[in-house]
PDB file of N, CA and C in Angstrom:
ATOM      1  N   UNK A   1      27.887 -90.309  82.603  1.00  0.00           N
ATOM      2  CA  UNK A   1      26.933 -90.293  81.652  1.00  0.00           C
ATOM      3  C   UNK A   1      27.004 -90.451  80.147  1.00  0.00           C
ATOM      4  N   UNK A   2      26.585 -91.199  79.221  1.00  0.00           N
ATOM      5  CA  UNK A   2      27.005 -91.268  78.220  1.00  0.00           C
ATOM      6  C   UNK A   2      25.852 -91.112  77.112  1.00  0.00           C
ATOM      7  N   UNK A   3      26.358 -90.842  75.895  1.00  0.00           N
ATOM      8  CA  UNK A   3      25.373 -90.621  74.959  1.00  0.00           C
ATOM      9  C   UNK A   3      25.241 -91.576  73.646  1.00  0.00           C
ATOM     10  N   UNK A   4      24.178 -92.345  73.807  1.00  0.00           N
ATOM     11  CA  UNK A   4      24.440 -93.241  72.465  1.00  0.00           C
ATOM     12  C   UNK A   4      23.809 -92.853  70.909  1.00  0.00           C
ATOM     13  N   UNK A   5      23.749 -91.475  70.857  1.00  0.00           N
ATOM     14  CA  UNK A   5      23.282 -91.115  69.894  1.00  0.00           C
ATOM     15  C   UNK A   5      23.853 -89.931  69.409  1.00  0.00           C
ATOM     16  N   UNK A   6      24.154 -89.601  68.056  1.00  0.00           N
ATOM     17  CA  UNK A   6      24.601 -88.340  67.522  1.00  0.00           C
ATOM     18  C   UNK A   6      23.840 -87.075  68.402  1.00  0.00           C
ATOM     19  N   UNK A   7      24.680 -86.027  68.445  1.00  0.00           N
ATOM     20  CA  UNK A   7      24.018 -84.961  68.968  1.00  0.00           C
ATOM     21  C   UNK A   7      23.338 -84.202  68.041  1.00  0.00           C
ATOM     22  N   UNK A   8      23.692 -84.236  66.753  1.00  0.00           N
ATOM     23  CA  UNK A   8      23.193 -83.192  65.681  1.00  0.00           C
ATOM     24  C   UNK A   8      23.186 -84.262  64.596  1.00  0.00           C
ATOM     25  N   UNK A   9      21.908 -84.425  64.035  1.00  0.00           N
ATOM     26  CA  UNK A   9      21.739 -85.279  62.803  1.00  0.00           C
ATOM     27  C   UNK A   9      22.293 -85.186  61.621  1.00  0.00           C
ATOM     28  N   UNK A  10      22.641 -85.636  60.752  1.00  0.00           N
ATOM     29  CA  UNK A  10      23.307 -85.601  59.694  1.00  0.00           C
ATOM     30  C   UNK A  10      22.829 -84.377  58.744  1.00  0.00           C
ATOM     31  N   UNK A  11      21.620 -84.123  58.728  1.00  0.00           N
ATOM     32  CA  UNK A  11      21.171 -82.976  58.196  1.00  0.00           C
ATOM     33  C   UNK A  11      21.448 -81.561  58.484  1.00  0.00           C
ATOM     34  N   UNK A  12      21.693 -81.516  59.640  1.00  0.00           N
ATOM     35  CA  UNK A  12      21.795 -80.353  60.362  1.00  0.00           C
ATOM     36  C   UNK A  12      23.073 -79.852  60.507  1.00  0.00           C
ATOM     37  N   UNK A  13      24.039 -81.092  60.222  1.00  0.00           N
ATOM     38  CA  UNK A  13      25.758 -80.516  60.534  1.00  0.00           C
ATOM     39  C   UNK A  13      25.980 -79.606  59.305  1.00  0.00           C
ATOM     40  N   UNK A  14      26.807 -78.520  59.892  1.00  0.00           N
ATOM     41  CA  UNK A  14      27.419 -77.639  58.868  1.00  0.00           C
ATOM     42  C   UNK A  14      28.666 -78.444  57.938  1.00  0.00           C
ATOM     43  N   UNK A  15      28.242 -78.188  56.652  1.00  0.00           N
ATOM     44  CA  UNK A  15      29.404 -78.728  55.518  1.00  0.00           C
ATOM     45  C   UNK A  15      30.651 -78.034  55.838  1.00  0.00           C
ATOM     46  N   UNK A  16      31.946 -79.026  55.875  1.00  0.00           N
ATOM     47  CA  UNK A  16      33.270 -78.212  55.780  1.00  0.00           C
ATOM     48  C   UNK A  16      33.574 -77.937  54.912  1.00  0.00           C
ATOM     49  N   UNK A  17      34.500 -77.011  54.583  1.00  0.00           N
ATOM     50  CA  UNK A  17      35.156 -76.469  53.429  1.00  0.00           C
ATOM     51  C   UNK A  17      36.254 -77.424  53.149  1.00  0.00           C
ATOM     52  N   UNK A  18      35.811 -78.034  51.948  1.00  0.00           N
ATOM     53  CA  UNK A  18      36.961 -78.563  51.328  1.00  0.00           C
ATOM     54  C   UNK A  18      38.163 -77.710  50.776  1.00  0.00           C
ATOM     55  N   UNK A  19      39.395 -78.536  50.802  1.00  0.00           N
ATOM     56  CA  UNK A  19      40.751 -78.114  50.372  1.00  0.00           C
ATOM     57  C   UNK A  19      40.777 -78.381  48.914  1.00  0.00           C
ATOM     58  N   UNK A  20      41.129 -77.190  48.534  1.00  0.00           N
ATOM     59  CA  UNK A  20      41.208 -77.401  46.763  1.00  0.00           C
ATOM     60  C   UNK A  20      42.514 -78.282  46.543  1.00  0.00           C
ATOM     61  N   UNK A  21      42.706 -78.844  45.531  1.00  0.00           N
ATOM     62  CA  UNK A  21      44.007 -79.483  44.999  1.00  0.00           C
ATOM     63  C   UNK A  21      45.115 -78.595  44.909  1.00  0.00           C
ATOM     64  N   UNK A  22      44.795 -77.368  44.525  1.00  0.00           N
ATOM     65  CA  UNK A  22      45.947 -76.346  44.344  1.00  0.00           C
ATOM     66  C   UNK A  22      46.528 -75.934  45.601  1.00  0.00           C
ATOM     67  N   UNK A  23      45.556 -75.666  46.559  1.00  0.00           N
ATOM     68  CA  UNK A  23      46.090 -75.433  48.258  1.00  0.00           C
ATOM     69  C   UNK A  23      46.943 -76.953  49.191  1.00  0.00           C
ATOM     70  N   UNK A  24      46.377 -77.740  48.330  1.00  0.00           N
ATOM     71  CA  UNK A  24      46.873 -79.035  48.900  1.00  0.00           C
ATOM     72  C   UNK A  24      48.828 -79.254  48.170  1.00  0.00           C
ATOM     73  N   UNK A  25      48.521 -78.889  46.815  1.00  0.00           N
ATOM     74  CA  UNK A  25      50.084 -78.801  46.499  1.00  0.00           C
ATOM     75  C   UNK A  25      50.932 -77.437  46.978  1.00  0.00           C
ATOM     76  N   UNK A  26      50.142 -76.565  47.189  1.00  0.00           N
ATOM     77  CA  UNK A  26      51.007 -75.479  47.931  1.00  0.00           C
ATOM     78  C   UNK A  26      51.316 -75.776  49.120  1.00  0.00           C
ATOM     79  N   UNK A  27      50.532 -76.306  49.894  1.00  0.00           N
ATOM     80  CA  UNK A  27      51.003 -77.012  51.523  1.00  0.00           C
ATOM     81  C   UNK A  27      52.180 -77.704  51.263  1.00  0.00           C
ATOM     82  N   UNK A  28      51.917 -78.607  50.495  1.00  0.00           N
ATOM     83  CA  UNK A  28      53.223 -80.060  50.270  1.00  0.00           C
ATOM     84  C   UNK A  28      54.533 -78.757  49.720  1.00  0.00           C
ATOM     85  N   UNK A  29      54.229 -78.159  48.854  1.00  0.00           N
ATOM     86  CA  UNK A  29      55.652 -76.867  48.535  1.00  0.00           C
ATOM     87  C   UNK A  29      56.228 -76.675  49.755  1.00  0.00           C
ATOM     88  N   UNK A  30      55.231 -75.778  50.510  1.00  0.00           N
ATOM     89  CA  UNK A  30      55.878 -75.178  51.732  1.00  0.00           C
ATOM     90  C   UNK A  30      56.451 -76.030  52.576  1.00  0.00           C
ATOM     91  N   UNK A  31      56.052 -77.482  52.818  1.00  0.00           N
ATOM     92  CA  UNK A  31      56.631 -78.080  53.728  1.00  0.00           C
ATOM     93  C   UNK A  31      57.878 -78.478  53.168  1.00  0.00           C
ATOM     94  N   UNK A  32      57.841 -78.984  52.018  1.00  0.00           N
ATOM     95  CA  UNK A  32      59.106 -79.190  51.202  1.00  0.00           C
ATOM     96  C   UNK A  32      60.370 -78.428  51.529  1.00  0.00           C
ATOM     97  N   UNK A  33      59.669 -77.298  51.232  1.00  0.00           N
ATOM     98  CA  UNK A  33      60.314 -75.797  51.593  1.00  0.00           C
ATOM     99  C   UNK A  33      61.105 -75.678  53.098  1.00  0.00           C
ATOM    100  N   UNK A  34      60.094 -75.904  53.834  1.00  0.00           N
ATOM    101  CA  UNK A  34      60.877 -75.891  55.213  1.00  0.00           C
ATOM    102  C   UNK A  34      61.900 -76.880  55.551  1.00  0.00           C
ATOM    103  N   UNK A  35      61.496 -77.926  55.214  1.00  0.00           N
ATOM    104  CA  UNK A  35      62.642 -79.238  55.638  1.00  0.00           C
ATOM    105  C   UNK A  35      63.838 -78.880  54.767  1.00  0.00           C
ATOM    106  N   UNK A  36      63.659 -78.446  53.523  1.00  0.00           N
ATOM    107  CA  UNK A  36      64.892 -78.116  52.613  1.00  0.00           C
ATOM    108  C   UNK A  36      65.616 -76.879  53.150  1.00  0.00           C
ATOM    109  N   UNK A  37      64.941 -75.858  54.176  1.00  0.00           N
ATOM    110  CA  UNK A  37      65.733 -75.145  54.459  1.00  0.00           C
ATOM    111  C   UNK A  37      66.368 -75.240  55.975  1.00  0.00           C
ATOM    112  N   UNK A  38      65.614 -76.535  56.710  1.00  0.00           N
ATOM    113  CA  UNK A  38      66.277 -76.722  57.940  1.00  0.00           C
ATOM    114  C   UNK A  38      67.372 -77.583  57.154  1.00  0.00           C
ATOM    115  N   UNK A  39      67.360 -78.677  56.350  1.00  0.00           N
ATOM    116  CA  UNK A  39      68.613 -79.168  56.075  1.00  0.00           C
ATOM    117  C   UNK A  39      69.797 -78.336  55.288  1.00  0.00           C
ATOM    118  N   UNK A  40      69.525 -77.323  54.246  1.00  0.00           N
ATOM    119  CA  UNK A  40      70.179 -76.436  53.889  1.00  0.00           C
ATOM    120  C   UNK A  40      71.263 -75.703  55.089  1.00  0.00           C
ATOM    121  N   UNK A  41      70.628 -75.234  56.087  1.00  0.00           N
ATOM    122  CA  UNK A  41      71.392 -74.461  57.519  1.00  0.00           C
ATOM    123  C   UNK A  41      72.017 -76.069  57.994  1.00  0.00           C
ATOM    124  N   UNK A  42      71.666 -76.973  57.911  1.00  0.00           N
ATOM    125  CA  UNK A  42      72.631 -77.798  58.639  1.00  0.00           C
ATOM    126  C   UNK A  42      73.739 -78.542  58.021  1.00  0.00           C
ATOM    127  N   UNK A  43      73.556 -78.458  56.888  1.00  0.00           N
ATOM    128  CA  UNK A  43      74.456 -79.233  55.678  1.00  0.00           C
ATOM    129  C   UNK A  43      75.339 -78.499  54.995  1.00  0.00           C
ATOM    130  N   UNK A  44      74.730 -77.177  54.752  1.00  0.00           N
ATOM    131  CA  UNK A  44      75.675 -76.357  53.618  1.00  0.00           C
ATOM    132  C   UNK A  44      76.026 -75.182  54.758  1.00  0.00           C
ATOM    133  N   UNK A  45      75.146 -74.743  55.624  1.00  0.00           N
ATOM    134  CA  UNK A  45      75.817 -73.529  56.275  1.00  0.00           C
ATOM    135  C   UNK A  45      76.427 -74.011  57.519  1.00  0.00           C
ATOM    136  N   UNK A  46      76.323 -75.442  57.785  1.00  0.00           N
ATOM    137  CA  UNK A  46      77.227 -75.739  59.206  1.00  0.00           C
ATOM    138  C   UNK A  46      76.571 -75.445  60.394  1.00  0.00           C
ATOM    139  N   UNK A  47      75.444 -74.607  60.512  1.00  0.00           N
ATOM    140  CA  UNK A  47      75.155 -73.795  61.751  1.00  0.00           C
ATOM    141  C   UNK A  47      74.440 -74.795  62.953  1.00  0.00           C
ATOM    142  N   UNK A  48      74.480 -75.685  62.926  1.00  0.00           N
ATOM    143  CA  UNK A  48      74.436 -76.843  63.789  1.00  0.00           C
ATOM    144  C   UNK A  48      72.667 -77.008  64.030  1.00  0.00           C
ATOM    145  N   UNK A  49      72.834 -78.164  64.679  1.00  0.00           N
ATOM    146  CA  UNK A  49      71.131 -78.791  64.655  1.00  0.00           C
ATOM    147  C   UNK A  49      69.957 -77.619  65.318  1.00  0.00           C
ATOM    148  N   UNK A  50      70.607 -76.953  66.388  1.00  0.00           N
ATOM    149  CA  UNK A  50      69.401 -76.397  67.258  1.00  0.00           C
ATOM    150  C   UNK A  50      69.181 -75.248  66.424  1.00  0.00           C
ATOM    151  N   UNK A  51      70.025 -74.675  65.968  1.00  0.00           N
ATOM    152  CA  UNK A  51      70.221 -73.074  65.015  1.00  0.00           C
ATOM    153  C   UNK A  51      69.298 -73.616  64.211  1.00  0.00           C
ATOM    154  N   UNK A  52      69.643 -74.928  62.913  1.00  0.00           N
ATOM    155  CA  UNK A  52      68.654 -75.067  62.142  1.00  0.00           C
ATOM    156  C   UNK A  52      67.385 -75.192  62.122  1.00  0.00           C
ATOM    157  N   UNK A  53      67.033 -75.970  63.619  1.00  0.00           N
ATOM    158  CA  UNK A  53      65.518 -75.642  63.999  1.00  0.00           C
ATOM    159  C   UNK A  53      64.795 -74.954  64.177  1.00  0.00           C
ATOM    160  N   UNK A  54      65.697 -74.126  64.880  1.00  0.00           N
ATOM    161  CA  UNK A  54      65.005 -72.800  65.734  1.00  0.00           C
ATOM    162  C   UNK A  54      64.522 -71.862  63.997  1.00  0.00           C
ATOM    163  N   UNK A  55      65.568 -71.805  63.264  1.00  0.00           N
ATOM    164  CA  UNK A  55      65.545 -71.430  61.850  1.00  0.00           C
ATOM    165  C   UNK A  55      64.188 -71.897  60.941  1.00  0.00           C
ATOM    166  N   UNK A  56      63.795 -73.186  60.820  1.00  0.00           N
ATOM    167  CA  UNK A  56      63.212 -73.378  60.216  1.00  0.00           C
ATOM    168  C   UNK A  56      61.683 -73.413  60.854  1.00  0.00           C
ATOM    169  N   UNK A  57      61.801 -73.577  62.153  1.00  0.00           N
ATOM    170  CA  UNK A  57      60.368 -73.468  63.083  1.00  0.00           C
ATOM    171  C   UNK A  57      59.896 -71.767  62.559  1.00  0.00           C
ATOM    172  N   UNK A  58      60.775 -70.900  62.667  1.00  0.00           N
ATOM    173  CA  UNK A  58      60.651 -69.373  62.558  1.00  0.00           C
ATOM    174  C   UNK A  58      59.984 -69.171  61.468  1.00  0.00           C
ATOM    175  N   UNK A  59      60.581 -69.908  60.394  1.00  0.00           N
ATOM    176  CA  UNK A  59      59.797 -69.877  58.842  1.00  0.00           C
ATOM    177  C   UNK A  59      58.657 -70.447  58.862  1.00  0.00           C
ATOM    178  N   UNK A  60      58.278 -71.519  59.476  1.00  0.00           N
ATOM    179  CA  UNK A  60      57.267 -72.313  59.479  1.00  0.00           C
ATOM    180  C   UNK A  60      56.196 -71.642  60.069  1.00  0.00           C
ATOM    181  N   UNK A  61      56.433 -70.814  61.384  1.00  0.00           N
ATOM    182  CA  UNK A  61      55.359 -70.099  61.897  1.00  0.00           C
ATOM    183  C   UNK A  61      54.959 -69.128  61.194  1.00  0.00           C
ATOM    184  N   UNK A  62      55.740 -68.615  60.443  1.00  0.00           N
ATOM    185  CA  UNK A  62      55.646 -67.092  59.564  1.00  0.00           C
ATOM    186  C   UNK A  62      54.793 -67.618  58.454  1.00  0.00           C
ATOM    187  N   UNK A  63      55.054 -68.641  57.698  1.00  0.00           N
ATOM    188  CA  UNK A  63      54.365 -69.482  56.786  1.00  0.00           C
ATOM    189  C   UNK A  63      52.779 -69.258  57.297  1.00  0.00           C
ATOM    190  N   UNK A  64      52.702 -70.135  58.239  1.00  0.00           N
ATOM    191  CA  UNK A  64      51.285 -70.486  59.018  1.00  0.00           C
ATOM    192  C   UNK A  64      50.415 -68.925  59.257  1.00  0.00           C
ATOM    193  N   UNK A  65      51.381 -67.878  59.814  1.00  0.00           N
ATOM    194  CA  UNK A  65      50.559 -66.374  60.023  1.00  0.00           C
ATOM    195  C   UNK A  65      50.166 -66.089  58.668  1.00  0.00           C
ATOM    196  N   UNK A  66      51.258 -66.297  57.484  1.00  0.00           N
ATOM    197  CA  UNK A  66      50.650 -65.499  56.228  1.00  0.00           C
ATOM    198  C   UNK A  66      49.342 -66.633  56.001  1.00  0.00           C
ATOM    199  N   UNK A  67      49.227 -67.563  55.886  1.00  0.00           N
ATOM    200  CA  UNK A  67      48.435 -68.426  55.397  1.00  0.00           C
ATOM    201  C   UNK A  67      47.143 -68.080  56.564  1.00  0.00           C
ATOM    202  N   UNK A  68      47.111 -67.927  57.521  1.00  0.00           N
ATOM    203  CA  UNK A  68      45.916 -67.616  58.409  1.00  0.00           C
ATOM    204  C   UNK A  68      45.344 -66.181  58.088  1.00  0.00           C
ATOM    205  N   UNK A  69      46.300 -65.063  57.877  1.00  0.00           N
ATOM    206  CA  UNK A  69      45.821 -63.896  57.013  1.00  0.00           C
ATOM    207  C   UNK A  69      45.162 -63.892  56.229  1.00  0.00           C
ATOM    208  N   UNK A  70      45.611 -64.603  54.938  1.00  0.00           N
ATOM    209  CA  UNK A  70      45.189 -65.050  53.735  1.00  0.00           C
ATOM    210  C   UNK A  70      43.943 -65.313  53.993  1.00  0.00           C
ATOM    211  N   UNK A  71      43.784 -66.174  54.454  1.00  0.00           N
ATOM    212  CA  UNK A  71      42.430 -67.335  54.941  1.00  0.00           C
ATOM    213  C   UNK A  71      41.474 -66.278  55.220  1.00  0.00           C
ATOM    214  N   UNK A  72      41.891 -65.392  56.232  1.00  0.00           N
ATOM    215  CA  UNK A  72      40.726 -64.267  56.890  1.00  0.00           C
ATOM    216  C   UNK A  72      40.401 -63.425  56.022  1.00  0.00           C
ATOM    217  N   UNK A  73      40.980 -62.832  55.146  1.00  0.00           N
ATOM    218  CA  UNK A  73      40.904 -61.882  54.389  1.00  0.00           C
ATOM    219  C   UNK A  73      39.953 -62.513  53.243  1.00  0.00           C
ATOM    220  N   UNK A  74      40.453 -63.727  52.720  1.00  0.00           N
ATOM    221  CA  UNK A  74      39.587 -64.452  51.792  1.00  0.00           C
ATOM    222  C   UNK A  74      38.084 -64.844  52.322  1.00  0.00           C
ATOM    223  N   UNK A  75      37.807 -65.136  53.667  1.00  0.00           N
ATOM    224  CA  UNK A  75      36.781 -65.593  54.147  1.00  0.00           C
ATOM    225  C   UNK A  75      35.653 -64.497  54.552  1.00  0.00           C
ATOM    226  N   UNK A  76      36.500 -63.192  54.998  1.00  0.00           N
ATOM    227  CA  UNK A  76      35.760 -62.156  55.297  1.00  0.00           C
ATOM    228  C   UNK A  76      35.413 -61.325  53.833  1.00  0.00           C
ATOM    229  N   UNK A  77      36.293 -61.698  52.372  1.00  0.00           N
ATOM    230  CA  UNK A  77      35.281 -61.249  51.560  1.00  0.00           C
ATOM    231  C   UNK A  77      34.454 -61.622  50.907  1.00  0.00           C
ATOM    232  N   UNK A  78      34.044 -62.644  51.321  1.00  0.00           N
ATOM    233  CA  UNK A  78      32.751 -63.504  50.802  1.00  0.00           C
ATOM    234  C   UNK A  78      31.136 -62.984  51.377  1.00  0.00           C
TER     235      UNK A  78
END
C-alpha cells in the first residue's frame, strides 16, 4: 500500500527548533577537540590506535551526555 500524498498538511506540521550559530560553533569545536584528543593519544602519548579510539569515544559519549542533560534542563525550564 502506498500513499500518494503527505500525511500532515504543511500548516499542521510542528516547526523544528533551529540550531543557533553559537551552538554550531560549539559542536564544531567539540568535534575538533575529540579528533585532537585522538591524535594526541595516538601520536604524542603513543598509546596505540585502539586505546586512542576508546579514549576519544569515551570523551565523545561524555560530551553527548552533557549536551543531552543541558538540553533537557533548558527544555524543561521553558
